[in-house]
């Protein structure tokens, strides 16, 4: 069994979002798959072109400054702040 390393427990969600870079001139669609006060797991079509820091705009109006913690071909784990 793996040890839980997250600062806050995450809830499974299925919310639309946008990865925003270049002061809002470039965006990538994403799906927020799980979410906590400290971070999230994002599903994307491809990680190509997504930098290590960006803003996440969620369809419910919330916005977060994000730093990438891990990546796979189609998912990104981020921490907020």
N, C-alpha and C. Protein backbone atom coordinates (compact mmCIF):
# COMPACT_ATOMS: atom_id res chain seq x y z
N UNK A 1 0.84 -1.18 0.00
CA UNK A 1 0.00 0.00 0.00
C UNK A 1 0.88 1.24 0.00
N UNK A 2 0.55 2.22 -0.83
CA UNK A 2 1.38 3.42 -0.92
C UNK A 2 1.00 4.41 0.15
N UNK A 3 1.97 5.19 0.56
CA UNK A 3 1.75 6.20 1.58
C UNK A 3 1.14 7.45 0.96
N UNK A 4 0.14 8.01 1.60
CA UNK A 4 -0.50 9.23 1.13
C UNK A 4 0.44 10.41 1.39
N UNK A 5 0.83 11.12 0.32
CA UNK A 5 1.78 12.23 0.47
C UNK A 5 1.11 13.58 0.30
N UNK A 6 -0.16 13.61 0.00
CA UNK A 6 -0.84 14.88 -0.24
C UNK A 6 -1.07 15.62 1.07
N UNK A 7 -1.00 16.96 0.98
CA UNK A 7 -1.22 17.79 2.16
C UNK A 7 -2.70 17.81 2.55
N UNK A 8 -3.58 17.63 1.57
CA UNK A 8 -5.02 17.63 1.83
C UNK A 8 -5.66 16.51 1.03
N UNK A 9 -6.68 15.85 1.59
CA UNK A 9 -7.33 14.77 0.83
C UNK A 9 -8.02 15.30 -0.41
N UNK A 10 -7.99 14.50 -1.49
CA UNK A 10 -8.61 14.92 -2.74
C UNK A 10 -9.95 14.22 -2.92
N UNK A 11 -10.87 14.91 -3.57
CA UNK A 11 -12.17 14.36 -3.92
C UNK A 11 -12.20 14.11 -5.41
N UNK A 12 -12.80 13.00 -5.82
CA UNK A 12 -12.98 12.74 -7.25
C UNK A 12 -14.03 13.69 -7.79
N UNK A 13 -13.70 14.33 -8.89
CA UNK A 13 -14.63 15.25 -9.54
C UNK A 13 -14.52 15.06 -11.04
N UNK A 14 -15.43 15.66 -11.77
CA UNK A 14 -15.38 15.66 -13.22
C UNK A 14 -15.84 17.04 -13.67
N UNK A 15 -14.90 17.98 -13.69
CA UNK A 15 -15.23 19.38 -13.99
C UNK A 15 -14.40 19.84 -15.18
N UNK A 16 -14.99 20.69 -15.98
CA UNK A 16 -14.26 21.29 -17.09
C UNK A 16 -13.35 22.40 -16.61
N UNK A 17 -12.27 22.61 -17.34
CA UNK A 17 -11.35 23.68 -16.98
C UNK A 17 -10.49 24.08 -18.17
N UNK A 18 -9.71 25.12 -17.92
CA UNK A 18 -8.79 25.63 -18.93
C UNK A 18 -7.45 25.93 -18.29
N UNK A 19 -6.38 25.45 -18.93
CA UNK A 19 -5.02 25.81 -18.55
C UNK A 19 -4.71 27.09 -19.30
N UNK A 20 -4.38 28.15 -18.57
CA UNK A 20 -4.20 29.47 -19.16
C UNK A 20 -2.73 29.88 -19.05
N UNK A 21 -2.13 30.22 -20.21
CA UNK A 21 -0.74 30.69 -20.23
C UNK A 21 -0.65 31.94 -21.09
N UNK A 22 0.51 32.56 -21.12
CA UNK A 22 0.75 33.76 -21.94
C UNK A 22 -0.25 34.87 -21.65
N UNK A 23 -0.47 35.14 -20.37
CA UNK A 23 -1.41 36.20 -19.94
C UNK A 23 -2.79 36.03 -20.56
N UNK A 24 -3.22 34.79 -20.74
CA UNK A 24 -4.56 34.52 -21.25
C UNK A 24 -4.66 34.40 -22.75
N UNK A 25 -3.56 34.60 -23.47
CA UNK A 25 -3.60 34.50 -24.93
C UNK A 25 -3.62 33.06 -25.43
N UNK A 26 -3.18 32.11 -24.59
CA UNK A 26 -3.18 30.70 -24.97
C UNK A 26 -3.89 29.89 -23.89
N UNK A 27 -4.75 28.96 -24.32
CA UNK A 27 -5.43 28.09 -23.36
C UNK A 27 -5.44 26.66 -23.88
N UNK A 28 -5.51 25.72 -22.94
CA UNK A 28 -5.65 24.30 -23.24
C UNK A 28 -6.86 23.81 -22.46
N UNK A 29 -7.76 23.11 -23.13
CA UNK A 29 -8.90 22.51 -22.43
C UNK A 29 -8.40 21.36 -21.56
N UNK A 30 -9.02 21.19 -20.40
CA UNK A 30 -8.68 20.07 -19.53
C UNK A 30 -9.91 19.64 -18.75
N UNK A 31 -9.80 18.48 -18.14
CA UNK A 31 -10.83 17.99 -17.23
C UNK A 31 -10.19 17.81 -15.88
N UNK A 32 -10.79 18.39 -14.84
CA UNK A 32 -10.30 18.23 -13.48
C UNK A 32 -10.85 16.91 -12.97
N UNK A 33 -9.95 15.95 -12.68
CA UNK A 33 -10.38 14.61 -12.28
C UNK A 33 -10.44 14.42 -10.78
N UNK A 34 -9.54 15.09 -10.05
CA UNK A 34 -9.71 15.13 -8.60
C UNK A 34 -9.17 16.46 -8.10
N UNK A 35 -9.62 16.84 -6.91
CA UNK A 35 -9.41 18.21 -6.45
C UNK A 35 -9.32 18.24 -4.94
N UNK A 36 -8.42 19.08 -4.42
CA UNK A 36 -8.34 19.36 -2.99
C UNK A 36 -8.03 20.84 -2.83
N UNK A 37 -7.91 21.26 -1.59
CA UNK A 37 -7.53 22.66 -1.33
C UNK A 37 -6.11 22.92 -1.81
N UNK A 38 -5.28 21.86 -1.88
CA UNK A 38 -3.86 22.03 -2.17
C UNK A 38 -3.48 21.76 -3.63
N UNK A 39 -4.33 21.05 -4.40
CA UNK A 39 -3.94 20.71 -5.76
C UNK A 39 -5.01 19.94 -6.51
N UNK A 40 -4.62 19.42 -7.69
CA UNK A 40 -5.58 18.72 -8.54
C UNK A 40 -4.86 17.80 -9.51
N UNK A 41 -5.64 16.88 -10.09
CA UNK A 41 -5.18 16.03 -11.19
C UNK A 41 -5.98 16.43 -12.42
N UNK A 42 -5.26 16.81 -13.49
CA UNK A 42 -5.89 17.31 -14.70
C UNK A 42 -5.68 16.32 -15.83
N UNK A 43 -6.73 16.05 -16.59
CA UNK A 43 -6.62 15.21 -17.80
C UNK A 43 -6.59 16.14 -18.99
N UNK A 44 -5.61 15.93 -19.87
CA UNK A 44 -5.43 16.77 -21.05
C UNK A 44 -5.26 15.89 -22.28
N UNK A 45 -5.49 16.47 -23.46
CA UNK A 45 -5.28 15.72 -24.70
C UNK A 45 -3.81 15.39 -24.88
N UNK A 46 -2.93 16.33 -24.51
CA UNK A 46 -1.49 16.14 -24.61
C UNK A 46 -0.81 17.15 -23.69
N UNK A 47 0.32 16.75 -23.12
CA UNK A 47 1.06 17.68 -22.26
C UNK A 47 1.99 18.58 -23.06
N UNK A 48 2.10 18.36 -24.35
CA UNK A 48 3.02 19.15 -25.18
C UNK A 48 2.61 20.61 -25.16
N UNK A 49 3.55 21.48 -24.83
CA UNK A 49 3.30 22.91 -24.81
C UNK A 49 2.81 23.46 -23.48
N UNK A 50 2.56 22.59 -22.52
CA UNK A 50 2.08 23.06 -21.21
C UNK A 50 3.29 23.27 -20.31
N UNK A 51 3.49 24.51 -19.84
CA UNK A 51 4.68 24.82 -19.02
C UNK A 51 4.54 24.31 -17.59
N UNK A 52 5.61 24.50 -16.79
CA UNK A 52 5.63 24.04 -15.41
C UNK A 52 4.77 24.88 -14.48
N UNK A 53 4.44 26.10 -14.87
CA UNK A 53 3.54 26.94 -14.07
C UNK A 53 2.50 27.54 -15.01
N UNK A 54 1.27 27.63 -14.53
CA UNK A 54 0.17 28.19 -15.32
C UNK A 54 -1.00 28.50 -14.39
N UNK A 55 -2.01 29.14 -14.93
CA UNK A 55 -3.25 29.39 -14.20
C UNK A 55 -4.29 28.38 -14.66
N UNK A 56 -5.08 27.89 -13.72
CA UNK A 56 -6.18 26.98 -14.02
C UNK A 56 -7.48 27.72 -13.81
N UNK A 57 -8.26 27.85 -14.87
CA UNK A 57 -9.59 28.44 -14.77
C UNK A 57 -10.62 27.33 -14.84
N UNK A 58 -11.44 27.22 -13.81
CA UNK A 58 -12.44 26.15 -13.78
C UNK A 58 -13.80 26.69 -14.25
N UNK A 59 -14.62 25.80 -14.80
CA UNK A 59 -15.91 26.21 -15.34
C UNK A 59 -16.84 26.79 -14.28
N UNK A 60 -16.58 26.49 -13.00
CA UNK A 60 -17.42 27.05 -11.94
C UNK A 60 -16.95 28.43 -11.49
N UNK A 61 -15.95 28.99 -12.20
CA UNK A 61 -15.48 30.35 -11.91
C UNK A 61 -14.25 30.44 -11.04
N UNK A 62 -13.84 29.34 -10.42
CA UNK A 62 -12.65 29.38 -9.57
C UNK A 62 -11.40 29.44 -10.43
N UNK A 63 -10.37 30.11 -9.90
CA UNK A 63 -9.08 30.19 -10.58
C UNK A 63 -7.98 29.86 -9.59
N UNK A 64 -6.95 29.17 -10.09
CA UNK A 64 -5.82 28.78 -9.24
C UNK A 64 -4.52 28.98 -10.01
N UNK A 65 -3.50 29.49 -9.33
CA UNK A 65 -2.14 29.47 -9.86
C UNK A 65 -1.59 28.08 -9.58
N UNK A 66 -1.03 27.42 -10.59
CA UNK A 66 -0.60 26.03 -10.46
C UNK A 66 0.88 25.84 -10.78
N UNK A 67 1.48 24.88 -10.08
CA UNK A 67 2.83 24.41 -10.38
C UNK A 67 2.73 22.91 -10.61
N UNK A 68 3.32 22.43 -11.70
CA UNK A 68 3.27 21.01 -12.03
C UNK A 68 4.15 20.23 -11.06
N UNK A 69 3.59 19.13 -10.53
CA UNK A 69 4.32 18.24 -9.63
C UNK A 69 4.72 16.97 -10.37
N UNK A 70 3.84 16.47 -11.24
CA UNK A 70 4.14 15.28 -12.05
C UNK A 70 3.36 15.35 -13.36
N UNK A 71 3.82 14.55 -14.34
CA UNK A 71 3.17 14.48 -15.66
C UNK A 71 3.21 13.05 -16.18
N UNK A 72 2.16 12.70 -16.93
CA UNK A 72 2.17 11.51 -17.77
C UNK A 72 1.80 12.02 -19.15
N UNK A 73 1.57 11.13 -20.12
CA UNK A 73 1.25 11.56 -21.47
C UNK A 73 -0.06 12.35 -21.54
N UNK A 74 -1.02 12.04 -20.65
CA UNK A 74 -2.33 12.67 -20.71
C UNK A 74 -2.82 13.27 -19.40
N UNK A 75 -1.99 13.28 -18.38
CA UNK A 75 -2.41 13.82 -17.09
C UNK A 75 -1.31 14.67 -16.47
N UNK A 76 -1.74 15.62 -15.67
CA UNK A 76 -0.82 16.51 -14.96
C UNK A 76 -1.29 16.61 -13.52
N UNK A 77 -0.37 16.43 -12.58
CA UNK A 77 -0.65 16.68 -11.18
C UNK A 77 -0.10 18.04 -10.81
N UNK A 78 -0.93 18.88 -10.19
CA UNK A 78 -0.51 20.24 -9.85
C UNK A 78 -0.75 20.54 -8.39
N UNK A 79 0.06 21.46 -7.88
CA UNK A 79 -0.20 22.03 -6.56
C UNK A 79 -0.59 23.48 -6.76
N UNK A 80 -1.46 23.98 -5.91
CA UNK A 80 -1.93 25.36 -6.00
C UNK A 80 -1.01 26.28 -5.21
N UNK A 81 -0.91 27.50 -5.72
CA UNK A 81 -0.13 28.51 -5.01
C UNK A 81 1.14 28.89 -5.71
